[in-house]
Amino acid sequence: MRYSILLAVTLTCFAANPASAQYTSSRGAEINPYIWGVPKGWTTGGNAELRYGTVIGGIPGGKRAALLLQARGMAENDFGTLMQSISADAYLGRRVRLSAMVSADSNLAANRIALWMRVNDASGKVAAIDDMETRSIPAGQGWQRQEVVLDVPNGAASITFGILLTGSPKGHCCGIVKVSDFNLDIVGNDVPTTAPPLESLPRSPVNLDFSQL
């Protein structure tokens, strides 16, 4: 399924309340590692009631990570995403790789978790898209670097990218997706694209009299 794009609460399914956790900085000061709210420069989308924030501690490279918290069951067609859009001007005619470190709770094994990137032209038409539809990021496997690679055509106007969490057929609850160290890089043609080809429209109408069953 393609999507358009596209802790401080007590959760009985967690062994500990993350809101009570503390993080000790390199200077020995204890700080609350969780900051709730959409990170600066990012927006959210989708119909799922996710909670967004950031956390420090236990992140590769000592960096801060964004959080997508699923605190209640999500239907299979529900989804939420943390995303941002930029001008495509600096990437026209180039091959672009979006990568990030991602970690997801094992409770989310039945959900679909994905990096995604979409390129649109000036009219809003999708020129390229990859949302890892057939290769969901595995949950419960710790931190792994994930990537998507797209060609940005010369007529492109914008690039939108982010992290996606969808519901599951069983509507499982609860869990957290963490994402850190986003990078958007120009790469050579020796790096293969990851997107399936866009479905092309037929050149002429078919079966206008409904005689073909």
N, C-alpha and C. Protein backbone atom coordinates (compact mmCIF):
# COMPACT_ATOMS: atom_id res chain seq x y z
N MET A 1 0.85 -1.19 0.00
CA MET A 1 0.00 0.00 0.00
C MET A 1 0.88 1.24 0.00
N ARG A 2 0.60 2.24 -0.84
CA ARG A 2 1.37 3.45 -0.94
C ARG A 2 0.72 4.54 -0.09
N TYR A 3 1.51 5.27 0.62
CA TYR A 3 1.00 6.34 1.44
C TYR A 3 1.47 7.68 0.87
N SER A 4 0.54 8.74 0.83
CA SER A 4 0.87 10.05 0.34
C SER A 4 1.59 10.79 1.47
N ILE A 5 2.49 11.03 0.77
CA ILE A 5 3.16 11.76 1.74
C ILE A 5 3.57 13.12 1.05
N LEU A 6 4.36 10.30 3.11
CA LEU A 6 4.35 9.86 3.39
C LEU A 6 4.88 9.91 2.85
N LEU A 7 8.97 7.05 28.41
CA LEU A 7 8.13 7.94 27.89
C LEU A 7 7.32 8.49 29.03
N ALA A 8 6.82 9.71 28.42
CA ALA A 8 6.26 10.45 29.54
C ALA A 8 4.90 9.93 29.97
N VAL A 9 4.32 9.03 29.25
CA VAL A 9 3.05 8.43 29.64
C VAL A 9 3.33 7.05 30.19
N THR A 10 2.42 6.54 31.00
CA THR A 10 2.59 5.21 31.58
C THR A 10 2.01 4.19 30.63
N LEU A 11 2.82 3.22 30.23
CA LEU A 11 2.39 2.19 29.30
C LEU A 11 2.51 0.85 29.99
N THR A 12 1.42 0.15 30.11
CA THR A 12 1.44 -1.12 30.82
C THR A 12 2.23 -2.17 30.08
N CYS A 13 2.44 -1.99 28.78
CA CYS A 13 3.18 -2.98 28.01
C CYS A 13 4.68 -2.79 28.12
N PHE A 14 5.15 -1.71 28.78
CA PHE A 14 6.57 -1.51 28.96
C PHE A 14 6.97 -1.92 30.37
N ALA A 15 8.14 -2.46 30.49
CA ALA A 15 8.62 -2.90 31.79
C ALA A 15 8.95 -1.73 32.69
N ALA A 16 9.28 -0.58 32.11
CA ALA A 16 9.63 0.59 32.92
C ALA A 16 8.99 1.81 32.32
N ASN A 17 8.81 2.82 33.16
CA ASN A 17 8.26 4.09 32.70
C ASN A 17 9.39 4.97 32.21
N PRO A 18 9.50 5.22 30.88
CA PRO A 18 10.62 6.00 30.39
C PRO A 18 10.64 7.43 30.89
N ALA A 19 9.51 7.94 31.34
CA ALA A 19 9.51 9.30 31.84
C ALA A 19 10.37 9.45 33.08
N SER A 20 10.55 8.35 33.81
CA SER A 20 11.33 8.41 35.04
C SER A 20 12.81 8.17 34.81
N ALA A 21 13.18 7.84 33.58
CA ALA A 21 14.59 7.55 33.29
C ALA A 21 15.42 8.83 33.36
N GLN A 22 16.67 8.67 33.71
CA GLN A 22 17.60 9.79 33.75
C GLN A 22 18.82 9.45 32.91
N TYR A 23 19.45 10.48 32.39
CA TYR A 23 20.65 10.32 31.57
C TYR A 23 21.75 11.17 32.18
N THR A 24 22.92 10.60 32.33
CA THR A 24 24.05 11.33 32.87
C THR A 24 24.92 11.83 31.73
N SER A 25 25.09 13.14 31.64
CA SER A 25 25.89 13.74 30.58
C SER A 25 27.37 13.49 30.82
N SER A 26 28.18 13.86 29.82
CA SER A 26 29.63 13.67 29.93
C SER A 26 30.23 14.49 31.07
N ARG A 27 29.50 15.50 31.52
CA ARG A 27 29.96 16.33 32.64
C ARG A 27 29.42 15.84 33.98
N GLY A 28 28.71 14.71 33.96
CA GLY A 28 28.22 14.13 35.20
C GLY A 28 26.88 14.64 35.66
N ALA A 29 26.23 15.50 34.87
CA ALA A 29 24.93 16.05 35.26
C ALA A 29 23.81 15.12 34.80
N GLU A 30 22.83 14.90 35.69
CA GLU A 30 21.68 14.08 35.32
C GLU A 30 20.64 14.96 34.66
N ILE A 31 20.16 14.52 33.51
CA ILE A 31 19.14 15.26 32.77
C ILE A 31 18.05 14.29 32.34
N ASN A 32 16.84 14.82 32.12
CA ASN A 32 15.77 14.00 31.57
C ASN A 32 16.06 13.79 30.09
N PRO A 33 16.21 12.55 29.64
CA PRO A 33 16.62 12.33 28.25
C PRO A 33 15.51 12.57 27.24
N TYR A 34 14.24 12.64 27.70
CA TYR A 34 13.11 12.74 26.78
C TYR A 34 12.63 14.17 26.64
N ILE A 35 12.49 14.63 25.42
CA ILE A 35 11.88 15.92 25.12
C ILE A 35 10.73 15.65 24.17
N TRP A 36 9.51 15.98 24.61
CA TRP A 36 8.33 15.66 23.80
C TRP A 36 7.92 16.85 22.96
N GLY A 37 7.47 16.57 21.75
CA GLY A 37 7.09 17.57 20.78
C GLY A 37 7.82 17.31 19.47
N VAL A 38 7.27 17.82 18.39
CA VAL A 38 7.86 17.60 17.07
C VAL A 38 9.17 18.37 16.98
N PRO A 39 10.27 17.72 16.59
CA PRO A 39 11.56 18.41 16.51
C PRO A 39 11.53 19.58 15.53
N LYS A 40 12.32 20.59 15.81
CA LYS A 40 12.40 21.77 14.96
C LYS A 40 12.76 21.38 13.53
N GLY A 41 12.05 21.96 12.57
CA GLY A 41 12.32 21.71 11.16
C GLY A 41 11.57 20.52 10.59
N TRP A 42 10.89 19.77 11.44
CA TRP A 42 10.16 18.58 11.02
C TRP A 42 8.67 18.80 11.16
N THR A 43 7.89 18.02 10.41
CA THR A 43 6.44 18.01 10.54
C THR A 43 5.98 16.56 10.64
N THR A 44 4.70 16.39 10.92
CA THR A 44 4.14 15.05 11.01
C THR A 44 3.00 14.89 10.03
N GLY A 45 2.67 13.66 9.72
CA GLY A 45 1.55 13.37 8.84
C GLY A 45 0.94 12.03 9.19
N GLY A 46 -0.22 11.76 8.60
CA GLY A 46 -0.87 10.48 8.84
C GLY A 46 -2.05 10.60 9.78
N ASN A 47 -2.78 9.49 9.91
CA ASN A 47 -4.00 9.47 10.72
C ASN A 47 -3.82 8.77 12.06
N ALA A 48 -2.63 8.27 12.35
CA ALA A 48 -2.39 7.55 13.60
C ALA A 48 -2.10 8.53 14.74
N GLU A 49 -2.55 8.18 15.92
CA GLU A 49 -2.32 9.01 17.10
C GLU A 49 -0.98 8.63 17.74
N LEU A 50 0.08 9.02 17.07
CA LEU A 50 1.42 8.78 17.59
C LEU A 50 1.88 9.98 18.42
N ARG A 51 2.83 9.72 19.29
CA ARG A 51 3.46 10.80 20.04
C ARG A 51 4.90 10.92 19.54
N TYR A 52 5.34 12.17 19.35
CA TYR A 52 6.65 12.43 18.77
C TYR A 52 7.53 13.16 19.78
N GLY A 53 8.81 12.90 19.71
CA GLY A 53 9.75 13.57 20.59
C GLY A 53 11.17 13.20 20.23
N THR A 54 12.10 13.48 21.14
CA THR A 54 13.50 13.10 20.96
C THR A 54 14.03 12.52 22.27
N VAL A 55 15.13 11.78 22.16
CA VAL A 55 15.74 11.15 23.33
C VAL A 55 17.24 11.13 23.14
N ILE A 56 17.97 11.19 24.24
CA ILE A 56 19.42 11.04 24.22
C ILE A 56 19.79 9.93 25.19
N GLY A 57 20.85 9.20 24.85
CA GLY A 57 21.27 8.08 25.68
C GLY A 57 21.05 6.77 24.96
N GLY A 58 22.12 6.00 24.79
CA GLY A 58 22.02 4.72 24.11
C GLY A 58 21.91 4.83 22.61
N ILE A 59 22.21 6.00 22.05
CA ILE A 59 22.12 6.23 20.61
C ILE A 59 23.52 6.11 20.02
N PRO A 60 23.68 5.45 18.87
CA PRO A 60 25.00 5.36 18.25
C PRO A 60 25.64 6.73 18.07
N GLY A 61 26.91 6.84 18.43
CA GLY A 61 27.62 8.10 18.27
C GLY A 61 27.27 9.15 19.31
N GLY A 62 26.47 8.76 20.32
CA GLY A 62 26.09 9.72 21.35
C GLY A 62 25.15 10.80 20.87
N LYS A 63 24.47 10.57 19.76
CA LYS A 63 23.60 11.59 19.18
C LYS A 63 22.19 11.49 19.76
N ARG A 64 21.38 12.51 19.49
CA ARG A 64 19.98 12.49 19.88
C ARG A 64 19.17 11.82 18.79
N ALA A 65 18.13 11.09 19.18
CA ALA A 65 17.27 10.40 18.23
C ALA A 65 15.85 10.92 18.33
N ALA A 66 15.12 10.87 17.22
CA ALA A 66 13.70 11.16 17.23
C ALA A 66 12.93 9.91 17.62
N LEU A 67 11.76 10.11 18.22
CA LEU A 67 10.90 9.01 18.67
C LEU A 67 9.55 9.07 17.99
N LEU A 68 9.03 7.92 17.61
CA LEU A 68 7.63 7.76 17.24
C LEU A 68 7.06 6.75 18.23
N LEU A 69 6.19 7.19 19.11
CA LEU A 69 5.63 6.35 20.16
C LEU A 69 4.22 5.92 19.80
N GLN A 70 4.02 4.62 19.67
CA GLN A 70 2.69 4.06 19.47
C GLN A 70 2.19 3.60 20.84
N ALA A 71 1.24 4.33 21.40
CA ALA A 71 0.76 4.05 22.75
C ALA A 71 -0.57 3.31 22.76
N ARG A 72 -1.13 3.05 21.60
CA ARG A 72 -2.37 2.29 21.51
C ARG A 72 -2.37 1.55 20.18
N GLY A 73 -3.28 0.60 20.05
CA GLY A 73 -3.32 -0.20 18.83
C GLY A 73 -3.59 0.64 17.59
N MET A 74 -2.98 0.25 16.47
CA MET A 74 -3.18 0.91 15.19
C MET A 74 -3.77 -0.09 14.21
N ALA A 75 -4.83 0.30 13.51
CA ALA A 75 -5.38 -0.54 12.46
C ALA A 75 -4.38 -0.65 11.32
N GLU A 76 -4.56 -1.65 10.47
CA GLU A 76 -3.59 -1.92 9.41
C GLU A 76 -3.39 -0.73 8.49
N ASN A 77 -4.44 0.05 8.24
CA ASN A 77 -4.34 1.18 7.33
C ASN A 77 -3.97 2.49 8.03
N ASP A 78 -3.75 2.45 9.34
CA ASP A 78 -3.31 3.65 10.05
C ASP A 78 -1.81 3.85 9.85
N PHE A 79 -1.38 5.09 9.82
CA PHE A 79 0.06 5.35 9.71
C PHE A 79 0.38 6.73 10.27
N GLY A 80 1.62 6.88 10.66
CA GLY A 80 2.13 8.17 11.09
C GLY A 80 3.54 8.34 10.58
N THR A 81 3.93 9.57 10.34
CA THR A 81 5.27 9.81 9.81
C THR A 81 5.83 11.12 10.35
N LEU A 82 7.13 11.13 10.58
CA LEU A 82 7.89 12.34 10.89
C LEU A 82 8.66 12.68 9.63
N MET A 83 8.50 13.90 9.11
CA MET A 83 9.00 14.17 7.77
C MET A 83 9.41 15.63 7.62
N GLN A 84 10.10 15.91 6.52
CA GLN A 84 10.36 17.28 6.11
C GLN A 84 10.52 17.35 4.60
N SER A 85 10.27 18.54 4.06
CA SER A 85 10.40 18.78 2.61
C SER A 85 11.43 19.86 2.36
N ILE A 86 12.19 19.68 1.28
CA ILE A 86 13.20 20.66 0.89
C ILE A 86 13.11 20.91 -0.61
N SER A 87 13.71 21.99 -1.06
CA SER A 87 13.81 22.26 -2.49
C SER A 87 14.73 21.22 -3.13
N ALA A 88 14.40 20.84 -4.35
CA ALA A 88 15.22 19.88 -5.08
C ALA A 88 16.36 20.54 -5.86
N ASP A 89 16.47 21.87 -5.80
CA ASP A 89 17.40 22.59 -6.66
C ASP A 89 18.83 22.07 -6.59
N ALA A 90 19.30 21.76 -5.40
CA ALA A 90 20.70 21.34 -5.23
C ALA A 90 20.95 19.91 -5.68
N TYR A 91 19.89 19.20 -6.06
CA TYR A 91 20.02 17.78 -6.39
C TYR A 91 19.55 17.44 -7.80
N LEU A 92 19.23 18.45 -8.61
CA LEU A 92 18.68 18.20 -9.94
C LEU A 92 19.65 17.39 -10.79
N GLY A 93 19.11 16.36 -11.43
CA GLY A 93 19.91 15.51 -12.30
C GLY A 93 20.88 14.60 -11.57
N ARG A 94 20.74 14.47 -10.26
CA ARG A 94 21.67 13.67 -9.48
C ARG A 94 20.97 12.48 -8.83
N ARG A 95 21.76 11.53 -8.42
CA ARG A 95 21.26 10.38 -7.66
C ARG A 95 21.47 10.67 -6.17
N VAL A 96 20.42 10.49 -5.38
CA VAL A 96 20.43 10.92 -3.98
C VAL A 96 20.13 9.74 -3.07
N ARG A 97 20.90 9.65 -2.01
CA ARG A 97 20.69 8.59 -1.01
C ARG A 97 20.27 9.20 0.33
N LEU A 98 19.13 8.74 0.82
CA LEU A 98 18.67 9.06 2.17
C LEU A 98 19.03 7.90 3.08
N SER A 99 19.72 8.18 4.17
CA SER A 99 20.07 7.11 5.11
C SER A 99 19.85 7.59 6.53
N ALA A 100 19.66 6.64 7.45
CA ALA A 100 19.48 6.96 8.86
C ALA A 100 19.67 5.69 9.67
N MET A 101 20.00 5.87 10.94
CA MET A 101 20.03 4.77 11.89
C MET A 101 18.64 4.60 12.48
N VAL A 102 18.14 3.36 12.49
CA VAL A 102 16.77 3.10 12.95
C VAL A 102 16.77 1.93 13.92
N SER A 103 15.97 2.05 14.97
CA SER A 103 15.77 0.97 15.93
C SER A 103 14.30 0.94 16.31
N ALA A 104 13.72 -0.25 16.40
CA ALA A 104 12.30 -0.38 16.73
C ALA A 104 12.09 -1.49 17.76
N ASP A 105 11.17 -1.26 18.70
CA ASP A 105 10.85 -2.26 19.70
C ASP A 105 10.34 -3.54 19.05
N SER A 106 10.64 -4.66 19.66
CA SER A 106 10.19 -5.95 19.13
C SER A 106 8.67 -6.06 19.11
N ASN A 107 7.97 -5.28 19.95
CA ASN A 107 6.50 -5.29 19.94
C ASN A 107 5.94 -4.86 18.60
N LEU A 108 6.74 -4.17 17.79
CA LEU A 108 6.28 -3.64 16.51
C LEU A 108 6.63 -4.56 15.34
N ALA A 109 6.91 -5.82 15.63
CA ALA A 109 7.35 -6.74 14.57
C ALA A 109 6.30 -6.91 13.49
N ALA A 110 5.01 -6.76 13.83
CA ALA A 110 3.95 -6.93 12.83
C ALA A 110 3.62 -5.64 12.10
N ASN A 111 4.20 -4.52 12.55
CA ASN A 111 3.97 -3.24 11.88
C ASN A 111 4.94 -3.09 10.72
N ARG A 112 4.65 -2.10 9.84
CA ARG A 112 5.62 -1.77 8.80
C ARG A 112 6.35 -0.50 9.21
N ILE A 113 7.67 -0.57 9.19
CA ILE A 113 8.53 0.54 9.58
C ILE A 113 9.43 0.85 8.39
N ALA A 114 9.54 2.10 8.02
CA ALA A 114 10.27 2.39 6.78
C ALA A 114 10.81 3.81 6.77
N LEU A 115 12.00 3.97 6.18
CA LEU A 115 12.40 5.27 5.67
C LEU A 115 11.66 5.49 4.36
N TRP A 116 11.42 6.74 4.02
CA TRP A 116 10.79 6.99 2.72
C TRP A 116 11.29 8.33 2.16
N MET A 117 11.27 8.39 0.84
CA MET A 117 11.67 9.61 0.14
C MET A 117 10.83 9.72 -1.12
N ARG A 118 10.37 10.95 -1.40
CA ARG A 118 9.54 11.19 -2.58
C ARG A 118 10.03 12.45 -3.28
N VAL A 119 10.08 12.40 -4.60
CA VAL A 119 10.46 13.55 -5.42
C VAL A 119 9.24 13.99 -6.22
N ASN A 120 8.90 15.28 -6.15
CA ASN A 120 7.77 15.82 -6.89
C ASN A 120 8.23 16.89 -7.87
N ASP A 121 7.48 17.02 -8.99
CA ASP A 121 7.76 18.11 -9.91
C ASP A 121 6.95 19.34 -9.49
N ALA A 122 7.04 20.41 -10.27
CA ALA A 122 6.40 21.67 -9.90
C ALA A 122 4.88 21.57 -9.86
N SER A 123 4.30 20.64 -10.59
CA SER A 123 2.85 20.46 -10.59
C SER A 123 2.38 19.58 -9.45
N GLY A 124 3.31 19.03 -8.69
CA GLY A 124 2.96 18.12 -7.61
C GLY A 124 2.97 16.66 -7.99
N LYS A 125 3.22 16.37 -9.26
CA LYS A 125 3.26 14.99 -9.71
C LYS A 125 4.48 14.28 -9.13
N VAL A 126 4.28 13.03 -8.72
CA VAL A 126 5.37 12.25 -8.17
C VAL A 126 6.31 11.82 -9.29
N ALA A 127 7.58 12.20 -9.17
CA ALA A 127 8.59 11.82 -10.16
C ALA A 127 9.35 10.58 -9.75
N ALA A 128 9.46 10.35 -8.45
CA ALA A 128 10.15 9.16 -7.92
C ALA A 128 9.73 8.98 -6.47
N ILE A 129 9.62 7.72 -6.04
CA ILE A 129 9.24 7.46 -4.65
C ILE A 129 9.76 6.09 -4.23
N ASP A 130 10.18 6.00 -2.98
CA ASP A 130 10.49 4.71 -2.36
C ASP A 130 10.08 4.80 -0.90
N ASP A 131 9.15 3.93 -0.48
CA ASP A 131 8.75 3.87 0.92
C ASP A 131 9.01 2.48 1.51
N MET A 132 9.97 1.77 0.93
CA MET A 132 10.38 0.45 1.42
C MET A 132 9.17 -0.48 1.56
N GLU A 133 8.27 -0.40 0.59
CA GLU A 133 7.00 -1.12 0.69
C GLU A 133 7.19 -2.63 0.84
N THR A 134 8.21 -3.17 0.20
CA THR A 134 8.40 -4.62 0.23
C THR A 134 9.57 -5.05 1.11
N ARG A 135 10.12 -4.12 1.90
CA ARG A 135 11.28 -4.47 2.72
C ARG A 135 11.25 -3.69 4.04
N SER A 136 10.21 -3.96 4.82
CA SER A 136 10.04 -3.28 6.10
C SER A 136 11.27 -3.44 6.98
N ILE A 137 11.61 -2.39 7.71
CA ILE A 137 12.73 -2.44 8.65
C ILE A 137 12.38 -3.40 9.78
N PRO A 138 13.23 -4.38 10.08
CA PRO A 138 12.90 -5.36 11.12
C PRO A 138 12.90 -4.74 12.51
N ALA A 139 11.93 -5.14 13.32
CA ALA A 139 11.84 -4.67 14.70
C ALA A 139 12.60 -5.61 15.63
N GLY A 140 13.06 -5.07 16.75
CA GLY A 140 13.73 -5.90 17.74
C GLY A 140 15.13 -6.33 17.37
N GLN A 141 15.74 -5.67 16.37
CA GLN A 141 17.08 -6.05 15.91
C GLN A 141 18.14 -5.02 16.28
N GLY A 142 17.80 -4.08 17.14
CA GLY A 142 18.77 -3.06 17.51
C GLY A 142 18.94 -2.01 16.42
N TRP A 143 20.00 -1.23 16.56
CA TRP A 143 20.25 -0.14 15.61
C TRP A 143 20.83 -0.67 14.31
N GLN A 144 20.21 -0.26 13.20
CA GLN A 144 20.69 -0.63 11.87
C GLN A 144 20.60 0.58 10.95
N ARG A 145 21.60 0.75 10.09
CA ARG A 145 21.52 1.83 9.10
C ARG A 145 20.68 1.37 7.92
N GLN A 146 19.71 2.20 7.57
CA GLN A 146 18.81 1.92 6.47
C GLN A 146 18.96 3.02 5.42
N GLU A 147 18.60 2.70 4.17
CA GLU A 147 18.74 3.72 3.13
C GLU A 147 17.75 3.50 2.00
N VAL A 148 17.44 4.60 1.33
CA VAL A 148 16.70 4.57 0.07
C VAL A 148 17.46 5.48 -0.90
N VAL A 149 17.44 5.12 -2.18
CA VAL A 149 18.20 5.85 -3.20
C VAL A 149 17.28 6.15 -4.38
N LEU A 150 17.21 7.41 -4.77
CA LEU A 150 16.36 7.83 -5.89
C LEU A 150 17.14 8.72 -6.85
N ASP A 151 16.73 8.71 -8.11
CA ASP A 151 17.20 9.69 -9.09
C ASP A 151 16.29 10.91 -9.05
N VAL A 152 16.89 12.09 -9.01
CA VAL A 152 16.13 13.34 -8.99
C VAL A 152 16.18 13.94 -10.39
N PRO A 153 15.09 13.94 -11.13
CA PRO A 153 15.13 14.45 -12.50
C PRO A 153 15.31 15.97 -12.53
N ASN A 154 15.71 16.47 -13.69
CA ASN A 154 15.97 17.90 -13.83
C ASN A 154 14.72 18.75 -13.60
N GLY A 155 13.55 18.19 -13.82
CA GLY A 155 12.32 18.95 -13.62
C GLY A 155 11.76 18.88 -12.22
N ALA A 156 12.50 18.32 -11.29
CA ALA A 156 11.99 18.15 -9.92
C ALA A 156 11.91 19.50 -9.20
N ALA A 157 10.95 19.60 -8.29
CA ALA A 157 10.78 20.83 -7.51
C ALA A 157 11.04 20.61 -6.02
N SER A 158 10.70 19.43 -5.50
CA SER A 158 10.84 19.21 -4.06
C SER A 158 11.23 17.77 -3.76
N ILE A 159 11.86 17.60 -2.61
CA ILE A 159 12.18 16.28 -2.07
C ILE A 159 11.60 16.22 -0.67
N THR A 160 10.80 15.20 -0.41
CA THR A 160 10.21 15.00 0.91
C THR A 160 10.68 13.65 1.43
N PHE A 161 11.03 13.60 2.71
CA PHE A 161 11.57 12.36 3.27
C PHE A 161 11.21 12.25 4.75
N GLY A 162 11.33 11.02 5.28
CA GLY A 162 11.04 10.84 6.69
C GLY A 162 11.07 9.39 7.12
N ILE A 163 10.50 9.14 8.29
CA ILE A 163 10.38 7.81 8.87
C ILE A 163 8.90 7.51 9.03
N LEU A 164 8.51 6.29 8.70
CA LEU A 164 7.10 5.90 8.63
C LEU A 164 6.83 4.72 9.55
N LEU A 165 5.70 4.77 10.27
CA LEU A 165 5.22 3.64 11.06
C LEU A 165 3.77 3.40 10.70
N THR A 166 3.45 2.18 10.28
CA THR A 166 2.07 1.84 9.94
C THR A 166 1.52 0.85 10.96
N GLY A 167 0.19 0.67 10.93
CA GLY A 167 -0.45 -0.30 11.79
C GLY A 167 -0.20 -1.72 11.32
N SER A 168 -0.75 -2.66 12.06
CA SER A 168 -0.59 -4.07 11.73
C SER A 168 -1.95 -4.74 11.66
N PRO A 169 -2.05 -5.88 10.96
CA PRO A 169 -3.33 -6.58 10.87
C PRO A 169 -3.92 -6.92 12.24
N LYS A 170 -3.07 -7.13 13.24
CA LYS A 170 -3.54 -7.50 14.57
C LYS A 170 -3.69 -6.31 15.50
N GLY A 171 -3.32 -5.13 15.03
CA GLY A 171 -3.47 -3.92 15.83
C GLY A 171 -2.69 -3.92 17.12
N HIS A 172 -1.47 -4.45 17.07
CA HIS A 172 -0.67 -4.58 18.29
C HIS A 172 -0.38 -3.23 18.94
N CYS A 173 -0.23 -3.23 20.24
CA CYS A 173 0.15 -2.10 21.06
C CYS A 173 1.20 -2.63 22.04
N CYS A 174 2.20 -1.97 22.31
CA CYS A 174 2.59 -0.59 22.06
C CYS A 174 4.04 -0.66 21.58
N GLY A 175 4.71 0.45 21.35
CA GLY A 175 6.10 0.37 20.96
C GLY A 175 6.65 1.70 20.51
N ILE A 176 7.98 1.74 20.37
CA ILE A 176 8.68 2.96 19.99
C ILE A 176 9.60 2.68 18.81
N VAL A 177 9.58 3.58 17.84
CA VAL A 177 10.58 3.61 16.77
C VAL A 177 11.51 4.78 17.05
N LYS A 178 12.81 4.53 16.99
CA LYS A 178 13.81 5.58 17.16
C LYS A 178 14.57 5.74 15.84
N VAL A 179 14.87 6.97 15.49
CA VAL A 179 15.63 7.23 14.27
C VAL A 179 16.63 8.34 14.54
N SER A 180 17.85 8.15 14.04
CA SER A 180 18.93 9.10 14.33
C SER A 180 19.84 9.23 13.11
N ASP A 181 20.58 10.32 13.08
CA ASP A 181 21.66 10.50 12.10
C ASP A 181 21.16 10.41 10.66
N PHE A 182 20.12 11.19 10.33
CA PHE A 182 19.69 11.29 8.94
C PHE A 182 20.80 11.91 8.10
N ASN A 183 20.95 11.39 6.88
CA ASN A 183 21.87 11.98 5.90
C ASN A 183 21.21 11.96 4.53
N LEU A 184 21.39 13.04 3.79
CA LEU A 184 20.91 13.13 2.41
C LEU A 184 22.12 13.46 1.55
N ASP A 185 22.59 12.48 0.79
CA ASP A 185 23.86 12.61 0.06
C ASP A 185 23.67 12.38 -1.43
N ILE A 186 24.46 13.09 -2.22
CA ILE A 186 24.57 12.80 -3.65
C ILE A 186 25.54 11.65 -3.83
N VAL A 187 25.14 10.63 -4.59
CA VAL A 187 25.99 9.46 -4.81
C VAL A 187 26.17 9.25 -6.31
N GLY A 188 27.13 8.40 -6.64
CA GLY A 188 27.40 8.10 -8.04
C GLY A 188 26.43 7.07 -8.60
N ASN A 189 26.47 6.91 -9.91
CA ASN A 189 25.59 5.95 -10.56
C ASN A 189 25.97 4.50 -10.28
N ASP A 190 27.10 4.30 -9.61
CA ASP A 190 27.46 2.95 -9.20
C ASP A 190 26.63 2.47 -8.01
N VAL A 191 25.95 3.41 -7.34
CA VAL A 191 25.04 3.06 -6.25
C VAL A 191 23.66 2.84 -6.85
N PRO A 192 23.10 1.64 -6.77
CA PRO A 192 21.82 1.37 -7.43
C PRO A 192 20.66 2.07 -6.72
N THR A 193 19.66 2.46 -7.50
CA THR A 193 18.45 3.01 -6.91
C THR A 193 17.67 1.88 -6.24
N THR A 194 16.85 2.25 -5.27
CA THR A 194 16.07 1.26 -4.53
C THR A 194 14.60 1.28 -4.87
N ALA A 195 14.16 2.25 -5.66
CA ALA A 195 12.74 2.40 -5.94
C ALA A 195 12.28 1.48 -7.05
N PRO A 196 11.11 0.86 -6.88
CA PRO A 196 10.52 0.14 -8.01
C PRO A 196 10.06 1.15 -9.05
N PRO A 197 9.97 0.76 -10.32
CA PRO A 197 9.53 1.71 -11.35
C PRO A 197 8.10 2.16 -11.10
N LEU A 198 7.86 3.45 -11.36
CA LEU A 198 6.50 3.96 -11.23
C LEU A 198 5.61 3.31 -12.27
N GLU A 199 4.38 3.03 -11.87
CA GLU A 199 3.43 2.45 -12.82
C GLU A 199 3.10 3.48 -13.89
N SER A 200 3.29 3.09 -15.14
CA SER A 200 3.00 4.00 -16.24
C SER A 200 1.55 3.87 -16.68
N LEU A 201 0.99 4.98 -17.16
CA LEU A 201 -0.39 4.98 -17.64
C LEU A 201 -0.45 4.41 -19.05
N PRO A 202 -1.56 3.74 -19.40
CA PRO A 202 -1.71 3.25 -20.77
C PRO A 202 -1.78 4.41 -21.75
N ARG A 203 -1.32 4.18 -22.99
CA ARG A 203 -1.29 5.23 -24.00
C ARG A 203 -2.67 5.52 -24.57
N SER A 204 -3.58 4.57 -24.47
CA SER A 204 -4.92 4.76 -25.03
C SER A 204 -5.94 4.06 -24.14
N PRO A 205 -7.21 4.48 -24.20
CA PRO A 205 -8.24 3.84 -23.38
C PRO A 205 -8.49 2.40 -23.82
N VAL A 206 -8.96 1.59 -22.89
CA VAL A 206 -9.22 0.18 -23.18
C VAL A 206 -10.59 -0.22 -22.66
N ASN A 207 -11.16 -1.24 -23.31
CA ASN A 207 -12.41 -1.88 -22.88
C ASN A 207 -13.53 -0.86 -22.61
N LEU A 208 -13.70 0.07 -23.55
CA LEU A 208 -14.71 1.11 -23.35
C LEU A 208 -16.13 0.57 -23.44
N ASP A 209 -16.31 -0.57 -24.12
CA ASP A 209 -17.66 -1.14 -24.22
C ASP A 209 -17.89 -2.29 -23.24
N PHE A 210 -16.89 -2.53 -22.37
CA PHE A 210 -16.99 -3.56 -21.32
C PHE A 210 -17.18 -4.96 -21.88
N SER A 211 -16.74 -5.19 -23.12
CA SER A 211 -16.87 -6.52 -23.72
C SER A 211 -15.80 -7.48 -23.23
N GLN A 212 -14.72 -6.94 -22.70
CA GLN A 212 -13.64 -7.78 -22.17
C GLN A 212 -13.89 -8.04 -20.69
N LEU A 213 -14.01 -9.32 -20.37
CA LEU A 213 -14.34 -9.70 -19.00
C LEU A 213 -13.12 -10.22 -18.27
